[in-house]
N, C-alpha and C. Protein backbone atom coordinates (compact mmCIF):
# COMPACT_ATOMS: atom_id res chain seq x y z
N MET A 1 26.86 119.08 98.99
CA MET A 1 27.94 119.73 99.72
C MET A 1 27.37 120.49 100.15
N HIS A 2 27.12 121.29 101.24
CA HIS A 2 27.01 122.27 102.09
C HIS A 2 27.33 123.74 101.51
N PRO A 3 26.42 124.84 101.37
CA PRO A 3 27.72 125.78 100.79
C PRO A 3 27.29 126.64 102.23
N ASP A 4 27.09 126.49 103.12
CA ASP A 4 27.62 127.34 104.71
C ASP A 4 28.43 126.66 104.64
N PRO A 5 29.43 127.34 105.60
CA PRO A 5 30.74 127.05 106.09
C PRO A 5 30.27 126.36 107.76
N ALA A 6 29.70 126.38 108.11
CA ALA A 6 29.20 126.30 109.37
C ALA A 6 28.17 124.41 109.23
N LEU A 7 27.61 124.50 108.36
CA LEU A 7 26.97 123.63 108.05
C LEU A 7 27.75 122.50 107.46
N LYS A 8 29.03 122.96 106.31
CA LYS A 8 29.89 121.87 106.13
C LYS A 8 30.10 121.20 107.55
N GLN A 9 31.09 122.48 107.66
CA GLN A 9 31.98 121.47 109.36
C GLN A 9 30.99 120.86 110.22
N ALA A 10 30.18 121.39 110.42
CA ALA A 10 28.99 120.24 111.16
C ALA A 10 28.76 118.80 110.49
N HIS A 11 28.94 118.62 109.38
CA HIS A 11 28.94 117.55 107.98
C HIS A 11 29.90 116.63 108.65
N ASP A 12 30.81 117.52 108.45
CA ASP A 12 32.56 116.82 108.30
C ASP A 12 32.66 116.59 109.71
N GLU A 13 32.42 116.94 110.79
CA GLU A 13 33.18 116.47 112.10
C GLU A 13 31.71 115.66 112.87
N GLY A 14 31.03 115.41 111.96
CA GLY A 14 29.77 114.42 112.41
C GLY A 14 29.22 114.56 113.51
N LEU A 15 28.63 115.74 113.89
CA LEU A 15 27.88 116.65 115.44
C LEU A 15 26.70 116.32 115.12
N PHE A 16 26.05 115.67 114.23
CA PHE A 16 24.23 114.80 114.17
C PHE A 16 24.34 113.69 113.64
N LYS A 17 24.10 112.81 114.71
CA LYS A 17 23.91 111.52 114.06
C LYS A 17 22.84 111.23 113.34
N ARG A 18 21.59 111.69 114.16
CA ARG A 18 20.36 111.19 113.42
C ARG A 18 20.09 112.62 112.37
N ARG A 19 19.22 112.68 111.53
CA ARG A 19 18.71 113.22 110.34
C ARG A 19 17.28 113.25 110.45
N ARG A 20 16.49 113.65 111.38
CA ARG A 20 15.85 113.46 110.93
C ARG A 20 14.69 114.86 110.49
N LYS A 21 15.62 115.78 110.53
CA LYS A 21 14.89 117.09 109.96
C LYS A 21 16.75 117.58 109.40
N PRO A 22 16.22 118.44 108.43
CA PRO A 22 17.23 118.89 107.56
C PRO A 22 18.33 119.74 108.38
N MET A 23 19.68 119.27 108.04
CA MET A 23 20.16 120.10 108.76
C MET A 23 20.00 122.15 108.26
N THR A 24 19.55 122.30 107.31
CA THR A 24 19.07 123.63 106.68
C THR A 24 18.57 124.04 108.04
N VAL A 25 17.41 123.44 108.37
CA VAL A 25 16.33 123.81 109.44
C VAL A 25 16.99 124.30 110.84
N ARG A 26 17.80 122.98 110.83
CA ARG A 26 18.56 123.09 112.24
C ARG A 26 19.20 124.14 112.29
N TRP A 27 20.10 124.61 111.31
CA TRP A 27 21.10 126.00 111.28
C TRP A 27 19.93 127.01 111.22
N ARG A 28 19.28 127.16 109.98
CA ARG A 28 18.36 128.47 110.61
C ARG A 28 17.77 128.60 112.06
N ALA A 29 17.22 127.58 112.80
CA ALA A 29 16.76 127.57 113.93
C ALA A 29 17.39 128.09 114.98
N VAL A 30 18.62 127.63 114.87
CA VAL A 30 19.87 127.86 115.81
C VAL A 30 19.80 129.59 115.55
N ARG A 31 19.91 130.02 114.52
CA ARG A 31 20.31 131.52 114.65
C ARG A 31 19.44 132.56 114.91
N VAL A 32 17.99 131.81 114.84
CA VAL A 32 16.52 132.59 114.77
C VAL A 32 16.82 132.87 116.56
N TRP A 33 16.81 131.65 117.09
CA TRP A 33 16.81 131.86 118.72
C TRP A 33 17.91 132.92 118.95
N LEU A 34 19.34 132.56 118.65
CA LEU A 34 20.38 133.11 118.51
C LEU A 34 20.10 135.05 118.81
N ALA A 35 19.41 135.30 117.44
CA ALA A 35 18.84 136.46 117.05
C ALA A 35 17.80 137.35 118.57
N GLY A 36 17.57 136.45 119.69
CA GLY A 36 16.64 136.85 120.36
C GLY A 36 15.44 136.43 120.64
N ALA A 37 14.60 135.16 119.67
CA ALA A 37 13.51 135.00 119.77
C ALA A 37 13.72 133.60 121.09
N SER A 38 12.63 133.35 122.00
CA SER A 38 12.93 132.41 122.83
C SER A 38 12.94 131.24 122.15
N LEU A 39 12.91 129.90 122.37
CA LEU A 39 12.96 128.85 122.28
C LEU A 39 12.00 127.80 121.32
N ARG A 40 10.62 128.60 122.09
CA ARG A 40 8.84 128.19 121.88
C ARG A 40 8.84 129.35 120.61
N ARG A 41 9.46 129.91 120.72
CA ARG A 41 8.79 131.36 119.03
C ARG A 41 9.96 130.99 118.06
N THR A 42 10.92 130.33 118.38
CA THR A 42 11.49 129.88 117.08
C THR A 42 10.65 128.71 116.20
N ALA A 43 10.27 127.77 117.51
CA ALA A 43 10.08 126.35 116.76
C ALA A 43 8.80 126.37 116.57
N GLU A 44 7.67 128.13 116.93
CA GLU A 44 6.96 128.58 115.97
C GLU A 44 6.87 129.22 114.62
N ALA A 45 7.92 130.08 114.52
CA ALA A 45 8.63 130.60 113.19
C ALA A 45 8.36 129.68 112.71
N LEU A 46 9.32 128.89 112.45
CA LEU A 46 9.58 127.69 111.57
C LEU A 46 8.78 126.58 111.08
N ARG A 47 7.71 127.09 111.74
CA ARG A 47 6.47 125.56 111.47
C ARG A 47 6.43 125.24 110.61
N ASP A 48 6.27 126.03 109.74
CA ASP A 48 5.88 125.83 108.04
C ASP A 48 6.65 125.22 107.20
N GLU A 49 8.06 125.33 107.79
CA GLU A 49 9.10 124.31 107.07
C GLU A 49 9.77 122.58 107.76
N ALA A 50 8.86 122.80 109.24
CA ALA A 50 9.10 121.64 109.57
C ALA A 50 8.62 121.80 110.91
N GLN A 51 8.28 120.55 111.36
CA GLN A 51 7.84 120.12 112.77
C GLN A 51 8.76 119.68 113.73
N PHE A 52 8.90 120.51 115.13
CA PHE A 52 10.10 120.39 115.89
C PHE A 52 9.25 121.03 117.72
N SER A 53 10.48 120.53 118.65
CA SER A 53 10.04 121.24 119.57
C SER A 53 11.16 122.11 120.04
N HIS A 54 10.34 122.90 121.25
CA HIS A 54 12.01 123.76 121.49
C HIS A 54 12.40 123.20 122.16
N GLU A 55 12.31 122.17 122.52
CA GLU A 55 13.78 121.37 122.61
C GLU A 55 14.52 120.57 122.39
N ALA A 56 14.28 120.58 120.32
CA ALA A 56 14.90 120.39 119.89
C ALA A 56 16.03 121.31 119.61
N VAL A 57 15.29 122.56 120.15
CA VAL A 57 16.19 124.63 118.79
C VAL A 57 17.37 124.17 120.03
N ARG A 58 17.26 123.42 121.57
CA ARG A 58 17.81 123.61 122.61
C ARG A 58 19.10 122.34 122.12
N GLN A 59 18.78 121.22 121.95
CA GLN A 59 19.44 120.21 121.67
C GLN A 59 20.37 120.68 120.54
N TRP A 60 19.70 121.40 119.15
CA TRP A 60 20.60 121.27 117.98
C TRP A 60 21.67 122.43 118.30
N ALA A 61 21.80 123.68 119.30
CA ALA A 61 22.48 124.65 119.40
C ALA A 61 23.69 124.10 120.59
N GLY A 62 23.42 123.49 121.28
CA GLY A 62 24.21 122.47 121.47
C GLY A 62 25.24 121.67 120.96
N ARG A 63 24.57 121.11 120.34
CA ARG A 63 25.75 120.47 119.09
C ARG A 63 26.73 121.56 118.05
N PHE A 64 25.83 122.36 117.70
CA PHE A 64 26.37 123.57 117.18
C PHE A 64 27.54 124.13 117.70
N GLY A 65 27.29 124.21 118.85
CA GLY A 65 28.45 124.63 120.16
C GLY A 65 29.74 124.50 119.50
N HIS A 66 29.85 123.18 119.06
CA HIS A 66 31.01 122.58 119.30
C HIS A 66 31.95 123.12 117.41
N LEU A 67 30.90 123.75 117.38
CA LEU A 67 31.68 124.50 115.88
C LEU A 67 32.75 125.83 116.32
N PHE A 68 32.68 125.60 117.57
CA PHE A 68 33.92 126.88 118.13
C PHE A 68 35.24 125.36 118.39
N ARG A 69 36.13 125.40 117.46
CA ARG A 69 37.52 124.70 118.54
C ARG A 69 38.47 125.23 116.98
N PRO A 70 38.53 126.02 118.09
CA PRO A 70 40.29 126.93 117.14
C PRO A 70 41.15 126.05 116.97
N ARG A 71 41.71 125.71 116.31
CA ARG A 71 43.36 125.32 116.11
C ARG A 71 44.42 126.16 116.87
N LYS A 72 45.13 125.05 117.28
CA LYS A 72 46.36 125.46 118.21
C LYS A 72 47.33 126.79 116.87
N LYS A 73 47.33 127.98 117.31
CA LYS A 73 47.96 128.92 116.05
C LYS A 73 49.73 129.48 116.96
N ASP A 74 50.13 130.03 116.02
CA ASP A 74 51.13 131.26 116.66
C ASP A 74 50.29 132.31 116.58
N HIS A 75 50.28 132.98 117.97
CA HIS A 75 49.88 134.69 118.68
C HIS A 75 50.83 134.83 119.46
N ALA A 76 51.55 135.50 118.98
CA ALA A 76 52.94 136.71 119.28
C ALA A 76 52.18 137.37 120.66
N ARG A 77 51.22 137.90 120.71
CA ARG A 77 50.52 138.60 121.69
C ARG A 77 48.57 138.40 121.88
N ILE A 78 48.98 138.13 122.91
CA ILE A 78 46.86 137.78 123.59
C ILE A 78 46.39 139.41 124.55
N VAL A 79 45.52 139.74 124.47
CA VAL A 79 44.69 140.32 125.59
C VAL A 79 44.06 139.06 125.78
N VAL A 80 43.96 139.18 127.40
CA VAL A 80 42.65 138.39 128.33
C VAL A 80 41.84 139.42 129.17
N ASP A 81 40.39 138.94 129.28
CA ASP A 81 40.27 139.87 130.41
C ASP A 81 38.77 138.88 130.77
N GLU A 82 37.84 139.45 131.95
CA GLU A 82 36.37 138.52 132.17
C GLU A 82 35.74 139.56 132.41
N THR A 83 34.69 138.86 132.65
CA THR A 83 33.51 139.57 132.47
C THR A 83 32.02 138.93 133.23
N THR A 84 31.13 139.82 134.24
CA THR A 84 29.96 139.23 135.07
C THR A 84 28.99 138.96 134.08
N ILE A 85 28.36 137.63 134.10
CA ILE A 85 27.30 137.50 133.68
C ILE A 85 26.12 136.80 135.03
N ILE A 86 24.82 137.73 134.80
CA ILE A 86 23.50 137.40 135.81
C ILE A 86 22.92 136.32 134.72
N LEU A 87 22.96 135.34 135.24
CA LEU A 87 21.78 134.40 134.85
C LEU A 87 20.59 134.07 135.72
N ALA A 88 19.93 133.42 134.72
CA ALA A 88 18.36 133.47 135.01
C ALA A 88 17.80 133.88 136.62
N ASN A 89 18.69 132.81 137.35
CA ASN A 89 18.20 132.81 138.90
C ASN A 89 19.47 134.08 139.32
N ARG A 90 19.57 134.57 138.73
CA ARG A 90 19.95 136.22 139.55
C ARG A 90 21.44 135.79 139.79
N ARG A 91 22.05 134.83 139.91
CA ARG A 91 23.29 134.33 140.34
C ARG A 91 24.69 135.07 139.31
N GLU A 92 25.30 135.20 139.36
CA GLU A 92 26.61 135.76 138.66
C GLU A 92 27.20 134.64 138.74
N VAL A 93 28.17 134.74 137.26
CA VAL A 93 28.94 133.27 137.17
C VAL A 93 30.13 134.41 136.11
N TYR A 94 31.26 134.16 135.55
CA TYR A 94 32.38 135.17 134.66
C TYR A 94 32.61 134.63 133.56
N GLU A 95 33.01 135.21 132.34
CA GLU A 95 33.33 135.01 131.64
C GLU A 95 34.70 135.64 131.55
N TRP A 96 35.45 134.26 131.25
CA TRP A 96 36.78 134.92 130.26
C TRP A 96 37.18 134.79 128.97
N ALA A 97 37.67 135.44 128.69
CA ALA A 97 38.18 135.23 126.99
C ALA A 97 39.72 135.75 127.01
N ALA A 98 40.01 134.97 125.81
CA ALA A 98 41.62 135.56 125.43
C ALA A 98 41.56 135.72 123.83
N LEU A 99 41.76 136.79 123.39
CA LEU A 99 41.69 137.39 121.84
C LEU A 99 43.28 137.85 121.08
N ASP A 100 43.22 137.35 120.17
CA ASP A 100 44.84 138.32 119.74
C ASP A 100 44.30 139.18 119.31
N PRO A 101 45.24 140.44 119.27
CA PRO A 101 44.60 141.72 118.91
C PRO A 101 45.30 141.50 117.52
N ASP A 102 45.83 141.46 116.91
CA ASP A 102 46.47 141.25 115.70
C ASP A 102 45.74 140.52 114.40
N THR A 103 45.31 139.40 114.86
CA THR A 103 44.01 139.03 113.85
C THR A 103 42.92 138.98 114.29
N ARG A 104 42.66 138.90 115.30
CA ARG A 104 40.84 139.33 115.94
C ARG A 104 40.45 138.46 116.30
N ASP A 105 41.39 137.26 116.23
CA ASP A 105 41.02 135.77 116.82
C ASP A 105 40.82 135.70 118.05
N VAL A 106 39.37 135.03 118.60
CA VAL A 106 38.96 134.52 119.37
C VAL A 106 39.52 133.14 120.32
N ILE A 107 40.89 133.08 120.55
CA ILE A 107 41.62 131.65 121.12
C ILE A 107 40.31 131.11 122.02
N LEU A 108 39.60 131.28 123.36
CA LEU A 108 39.00 130.60 124.21
C LEU A 108 37.99 131.38 124.83
N VAL A 109 37.20 130.86 125.01
CA VAL A 109 35.89 131.20 126.22
C VAL A 109 36.08 130.26 127.19
N TRP A 110 35.65 131.02 128.84
CA TRP A 110 35.86 129.75 129.67
C TRP A 110 34.80 130.68 130.57
N LYS A 111 33.67 129.16 131.14
CA LYS A 111 32.92 129.88 132.26
C LYS A 111 33.62 129.76 133.59
N THR A 112 33.52 130.24 134.69
CA THR A 112 34.05 130.01 136.22
C THR A 112 32.69 130.47 136.96
N GLN A 113 32.70 129.53 138.26
CA GLN A 113 32.26 130.09 139.33
C GLN A 113 32.30 131.60 140.22
N GLY A 114 33.82 131.38 140.21
CA GLY A 114 34.39 132.37 140.73
C GLY A 114 35.79 133.40 139.60
N ARG A 115 36.39 134.12 140.90
CA ARG A 115 37.36 135.05 139.73
C ARG A 115 38.43 135.05 140.46
N GLY A 116 39.06 134.38 140.82
CA GLY A 116 40.64 134.30 141.56
C GLY A 116 42.00 134.26 140.53
N GLY A 117 42.55 133.83 141.38
CA GLY A 117 44.00 133.52 140.84
C GLY A 117 44.02 132.11 140.46
N LEU A 118 43.13 131.28 141.66
CA LEU A 118 43.34 129.81 140.83
C LEU A 118 42.26 129.47 139.21
N GLU A 119 41.51 130.31 139.08
CA GLU A 119 40.70 130.61 137.84
C GLU A 119 41.72 131.30 136.36
N ALA A 120 42.31 132.55 137.38
CA ALA A 120 42.97 132.71 135.86
C ALA A 120 44.03 131.70 135.38
N LEU A 121 44.60 131.32 136.59
CA LEU A 121 45.80 130.30 136.19
C LEU A 121 44.96 129.07 135.87
N LEU A 122 44.35 128.35 135.78
CA LEU A 122 43.39 127.40 135.00
C LEU A 122 43.14 127.97 133.62
N PHE A 123 42.77 129.65 133.36
CA PHE A 123 42.73 129.92 131.99
C PHE A 123 43.54 129.76 131.18
N MET A 124 44.15 130.63 131.75
CA MET A 124 45.55 130.83 130.62
C MET A 124 46.48 129.35 130.42
N LYS A 125 46.34 128.20 131.37
CA LYS A 125 46.91 127.17 131.18
C LYS A 125 46.13 126.54 129.82
N ALA A 126 44.38 126.81 129.65
CA ALA A 126 44.18 126.32 128.87
C ALA A 126 44.68 127.28 127.16
N VAL A 127 44.27 128.31 127.17
CA VAL A 127 44.64 129.33 126.73
C VAL A 127 46.12 128.97 125.69
N LEU A 128 47.03 128.38 126.51
CA LEU A 128 48.30 128.01 126.69
C LEU A 128 48.63 126.82 125.22
N ARG A 129 47.86 125.92 125.23
CA ARG A 129 47.50 124.91 124.59
C ARG A 129 46.90 125.14 123.42
N ARG A 130 46.80 126.05 122.98
CA ARG A 130 45.86 126.70 122.14
C ARG A 130 46.95 127.84 120.98
N CYS A 131 48.43 128.09 121.44
CA CYS A 131 49.25 128.77 121.38
C CYS A 131 50.44 128.35 120.95
N ARG A 132 51.10 128.37 120.13
CA ARG A 132 52.76 127.52 119.60
C ARG A 132 53.75 128.56 120.55
N GLY A 133 53.94 128.10 121.48
CA GLY A 133 55.12 129.30 122.05
C GLY A 133 54.43 130.08 123.14
N LYS A 134 54.81 130.71 124.19
CA LYS A 134 54.46 131.67 124.69
C LYS A 134 54.47 133.27 124.45
N PRO A 135 52.75 133.32 124.44
CA PRO A 135 52.45 134.90 123.67
C PRO A 135 52.62 135.60 125.15
N PHE A 136 52.88 137.35 124.37
CA PHE A 136 52.77 138.33 125.43
C PHE A 136 51.48 138.59 125.82
N VAL A 137 51.15 138.99 127.46
CA VAL A 137 50.15 138.80 127.95
C VAL A 137 49.44 139.77 128.30
N MET A 138 48.56 140.62 127.79
CA MET A 138 47.84 141.86 128.07
C MET A 138 46.72 141.93 128.70
N VAL A 139 46.82 142.30 130.04
CA VAL A 139 45.83 142.33 130.91
C VAL A 139 45.53 143.60 131.76
N ASP A 140 44.26 143.21 132.27
CA ASP A 140 43.84 144.94 133.29
C ASP A 140 44.48 144.86 134.57
N LYS A 141 43.87 145.45 135.60
CA LYS A 141 44.65 145.82 136.57
C LYS A 141 43.92 144.86 137.61
N GLY A 142 43.44 143.85 137.24
CA GLY A 142 42.43 142.29 138.35
C GLY A 142 43.41 142.01 138.67
N SER A 143 43.61 141.88 140.45
CA SER A 143 44.26 141.39 141.07
C SER A 143 44.45 139.76 140.89
N TRP A 144 43.69 139.22 140.12
CA TRP A 144 44.01 138.04 140.28
C TRP A 144 45.16 137.62 139.32
N TYR A 145 45.78 138.36 138.36
CA TYR A 145 46.62 137.69 136.73
C TYR A 145 47.67 137.52 137.68
N PRO A 146 48.36 138.58 138.13
CA PRO A 146 49.92 138.62 138.19
C PRO A 146 50.06 137.42 139.46
N TRP A 147 50.06 136.47 140.03
CA TRP A 147 50.09 135.19 140.50
C TRP A 147 50.04 134.29 139.40
N ALA A 148 48.87 134.26 138.31
CA ALA A 148 48.74 133.35 137.38
C ALA A 148 49.65 133.50 136.41
N LEU A 149 50.01 134.46 136.52
CA LEU A 149 50.69 135.08 134.87
C LEU A 149 52.28 134.30 135.10
N ASN A 150 52.59 135.32 136.56
CA ASN A 150 54.27 134.79 136.83
C ASN A 150 54.35 133.29 137.43
N THR A 151 53.42 132.65 137.55
CA THR A 151 53.62 130.88 137.90
C THR A 151 53.93 130.39 136.52
N LEU A 152 53.67 130.87 135.32
CA LEU A 152 53.37 130.27 134.35
C LEU A 152 54.53 131.06 133.18
N LYS A 153 55.05 131.87 134.00
CA LYS A 153 56.55 132.68 133.90
C LYS A 153 55.96 132.86 132.11
N LEU A 154 55.48 133.78 131.46
CA LEU A 154 54.68 134.16 131.07
C LEU A 154 55.07 135.75 130.99
N GLU A 155 55.81 136.31 129.92
CA GLU A 155 55.67 137.82 130.21
C GLU A 155 54.39 138.89 129.52
N TRP A 156 54.18 139.54 130.43
CA TRP A 156 52.66 140.46 130.29
C TRP A 156 53.08 141.82 131.43
N LYS A 157 51.75 142.50 130.80
CA LYS A 157 51.56 143.89 131.10
C LYS A 157 50.22 144.29 131.39
N ILE A 158 50.36 145.41 132.42
CA ILE A 158 48.80 145.80 132.39
C ILE A 158 48.52 147.07 131.35
N GLN A 159 47.35 146.64 130.43
CA GLN A 159 47.24 147.34 129.48
C GLN A 159 46.44 148.49 129.47
N ARG A 160 46.01 149.86 129.41
CA ARG A 160 44.95 150.40 129.30
C ARG A 160 44.96 150.97 127.52
N GLY A 161 43.49 150.85 127.17
CA GLY A 161 43.45 151.41 125.89
C GLY A 161 43.92 150.53 124.71
N GLY A 162 44.05 150.60 123.83
CA GLY A 162 44.31 150.38 122.68
C GLY A 162 44.23 148.91 122.20
N PRO A 163 45.27 147.99 122.31
CA PRO A 163 44.75 146.20 122.45
C PRO A 163 43.35 145.97 123.13
N ARG A 164 43.39 145.74 124.26
CA ARG A 164 42.17 145.79 124.86
C ARG A 164 40.89 146.58 124.24
N SER A 165 41.13 147.39 123.72
CA SER A 165 39.46 147.82 123.13
C SER A 165 39.13 146.49 122.26
N LEU A 166 39.49 145.42 121.89
CA LEU A 166 39.13 145.01 121.17
C LEU A 166 38.55 144.19 122.15
N VAL A 167 39.05 143.18 123.06
CA VAL A 167 37.99 142.54 124.14
C VAL A 167 36.98 143.43 124.94
N GLU A 168 37.01 144.65 125.00
CA GLU A 168 35.88 144.65 125.12
C GLU A 168 35.26 145.60 124.19
N CYS A 169 35.29 145.28 122.87
CA CYS A 169 34.40 145.15 122.02
C CYS A 169 33.32 144.26 121.75
N TYR A 170 34.67 142.88 122.27
CA TYR A 170 33.92 141.16 122.01
C TYR A 170 32.72 141.45 122.94
N PHE A 171 33.19 141.46 124.27
CA PHE A 171 32.23 141.46 125.63
C PHE A 171 30.68 142.27 125.42
N GLY A 172 31.32 143.93 124.57
CA GLY A 172 29.74 144.67 124.29
C GLY A 172 29.22 143.84 123.31
N SER A 173 29.61 142.83 122.31
CA SER A 173 28.67 142.79 121.49
C SER A 173 28.00 141.31 122.06
N LEU A 174 28.91 140.73 122.77
CA LEU A 174 28.10 139.45 123.66
C LEU A 174 27.07 139.87 124.66
N LYS A 175 27.18 141.36 124.97
CA LYS A 175 26.34 141.43 126.45
C LYS A 175 24.91 141.91 125.49
N HIS A 176 25.44 142.72 124.47
CA HIS A 176 23.86 143.13 123.36
C HIS A 176 23.10 142.18 122.66
N ARG A 177 23.88 140.17 122.54
CA ARG A 177 23.20 139.62 122.11
C ARG A 177 22.40 138.92 124.07
N LEU A 178 23.27 138.59 124.76
CA LEU A 178 22.51 138.51 126.36
C LEU A 178 21.46 139.58 126.65
N ASN A 179 21.53 140.64 126.23
CA ASN A 179 20.31 141.82 126.74
C ASN A 179 19.03 141.53 125.76
N ARG A 180 19.41 141.34 124.74
CA ARG A 180 18.35 140.74 123.89
C ARG A 180 17.13 139.95 123.70
N MET A 181 18.33 138.89 124.39
CA MET A 181 17.41 137.00 124.56
C MET A 181 16.72 137.66 126.31
N ARG A 182 16.63 138.57 126.70
CA ARG A 182 16.48 138.82 128.23
C ARG A 182 15.39 139.12 128.10
N ARG A 183 14.54 139.72 127.60
CA ARG A 183 13.64 140.70 126.88
C ARG A 183 12.32 139.55 126.59
N ARG A 184 12.67 138.26 126.22
CA ARG A 184 11.75 137.79 125.67
C ARG A 184 11.67 136.25 126.61
N PRO A 185 10.85 135.98 126.85
CA PRO A 185 10.21 134.91 128.44
C PRO A 185 10.70 133.56 127.36
N GLY A 186 11.21 133.05 128.14
CA GLY A 186 11.83 131.84 127.81
C GLY A 186 13.35 131.56 127.32
N SER A 187 14.04 132.60 127.05
CA SER A 187 15.37 132.81 126.15
C SER A 187 15.79 133.03 127.23
N TRP A 188 15.78 133.11 128.29
CA TRP A 188 17.01 133.50 129.77
C TRP A 188 17.43 132.33 129.63
N HIS A 189 19.36 133.09 129.51
CA HIS A 189 19.90 131.93 129.93
C HIS A 189 20.37 131.10 130.71
N THR A 190 20.38 130.09 131.33
CA THR A 190 20.88 129.17 132.20
C THR A 190 22.47 128.65 132.78
N GLU A 191 22.85 128.59 133.58
CA GLU A 191 23.83 127.20 134.40
C GLU A 191 23.93 126.45 132.84
N SER A 192 23.24 125.22 132.48
CA SER A 192 23.97 124.70 131.82
C SER A 192 23.94 124.99 129.82
N SER A 193 23.09 125.88 129.78
CA SER A 193 22.85 126.19 128.34
C SER A 193 23.55 127.85 128.02
N LEU A 194 24.43 128.48 129.08
CA LEU A 194 25.31 129.55 128.88
C LEU A 194 26.12 129.20 128.32
N PRO A 195 27.43 127.90 128.07
CA PRO A 195 28.54 127.66 127.66
C PRO A 195 28.03 127.78 125.86
N THR A 196 26.74 127.20 125.45
CA THR A 196 26.63 126.74 124.33
C THR A 196 26.42 128.13 123.84
N LEU A 197 25.71 128.98 124.45
CA LEU A 197 25.63 130.59 123.64
C LEU A 197 27.09 131.25 123.61
N LEU A 198 27.91 131.07 124.60
CA LEU A 198 29.27 131.70 124.77
C LEU A 198 30.08 130.98 123.96
N ASN A 199 29.75 129.56 123.14
CA ASN A 199 30.80 129.13 121.68
C ASN A 199 30.39 129.36 120.40
N LEU A 200 28.87 129.73 120.78
CA LEU A 200 28.29 129.98 119.55
C LEU A 200 28.89 131.74 119.30
N HIS A 201 28.68 132.45 120.06
CA HIS A 201 29.06 133.50 119.87
C HIS A 201 30.65 133.98 119.27
N ALA A 202 31.34 132.90 119.98
CA ALA A 202 32.38 132.93 119.42
C ALA A 202 32.74 133.06 118.09
N TYR A 203 31.88 131.57 117.50
CA TYR A 203 31.90 131.08 116.54
C TYR A 203 31.89 132.30 115.77
N PHE A 204 30.37 133.10 115.37
CA PHE A 204 30.63 133.60 114.64
C PHE A 204 31.49 135.23 114.73
N TRP A 205 31.88 135.67 116.16
CA TRP A 205 33.09 136.61 115.82
C TRP A 205 34.49 136.39 115.07
N ASN A 206 34.59 134.74 115.15
CA ASN A 206 35.62 134.30 114.05
C ASN A 206 35.14 134.65 112.89
N ARG A 207 33.88 134.00 112.71
CA ARG A 207 33.62 133.46 110.88
C ARG A 207 33.35 135.29 110.23
N GLN A 208 33.09 135.87 111.26
CA GLN A 208 32.75 137.60 110.63
C GLN A 208 34.33 137.87 110.35
N HIS A 209 34.85 137.96 111.57
CA HIS A 209 36.69 138.95 111.48
C HIS A 209 37.48 137.61 110.60
N LEU A 210 37.32 136.45 110.57
CA LEU A 210 38.56 136.09 109.90
C LEU A 210 38.34 135.21 108.95
N SER A 211 36.67 135.40 108.01
CA SER A 211 36.50 135.05 106.73
C SER A 211 37.37 135.62 105.64
């Protein structure tokens, strides 16, 4: 039995079909990469424990990204926000996040190419699939929210401060991680790798605040 909850979950859900490398080594490699090391430096740092390529680290991170899979729960109220992320090719994408300010639970994170009413609507539909009933929604002054929230017949308000500080703290933690990775060659996030990073960050946030 794996003592680490992440390894136990990965084992129970069969995230890895082939086991050429110990699960503990794979998990340690992913955590070293998340701490800011490049994929190549991660492989070099752990070569005394096992021999593997930088591409293996990327693939393991992708598998472990599936650990973020919150169950459907009761959420009386949620706070929703989005932030801009700059990719390695200097393109802008957007991360959307919904959190429960009472439990500090990350309900859902999404990456989109644009930021508008349609993206807000699709995101909120996905959020509602993780909620029992219809929660009260708190947002900022973004012009893309009113149409989406009214279309879904949700109760909502523009919230300044208070519960919104939670999602601002969440994005601050994410940006700190992203900026730390930018300073190391080979660790820049790309269009394909960013969802893995977003999911792992959400997983560790929930693990820290809900344990």
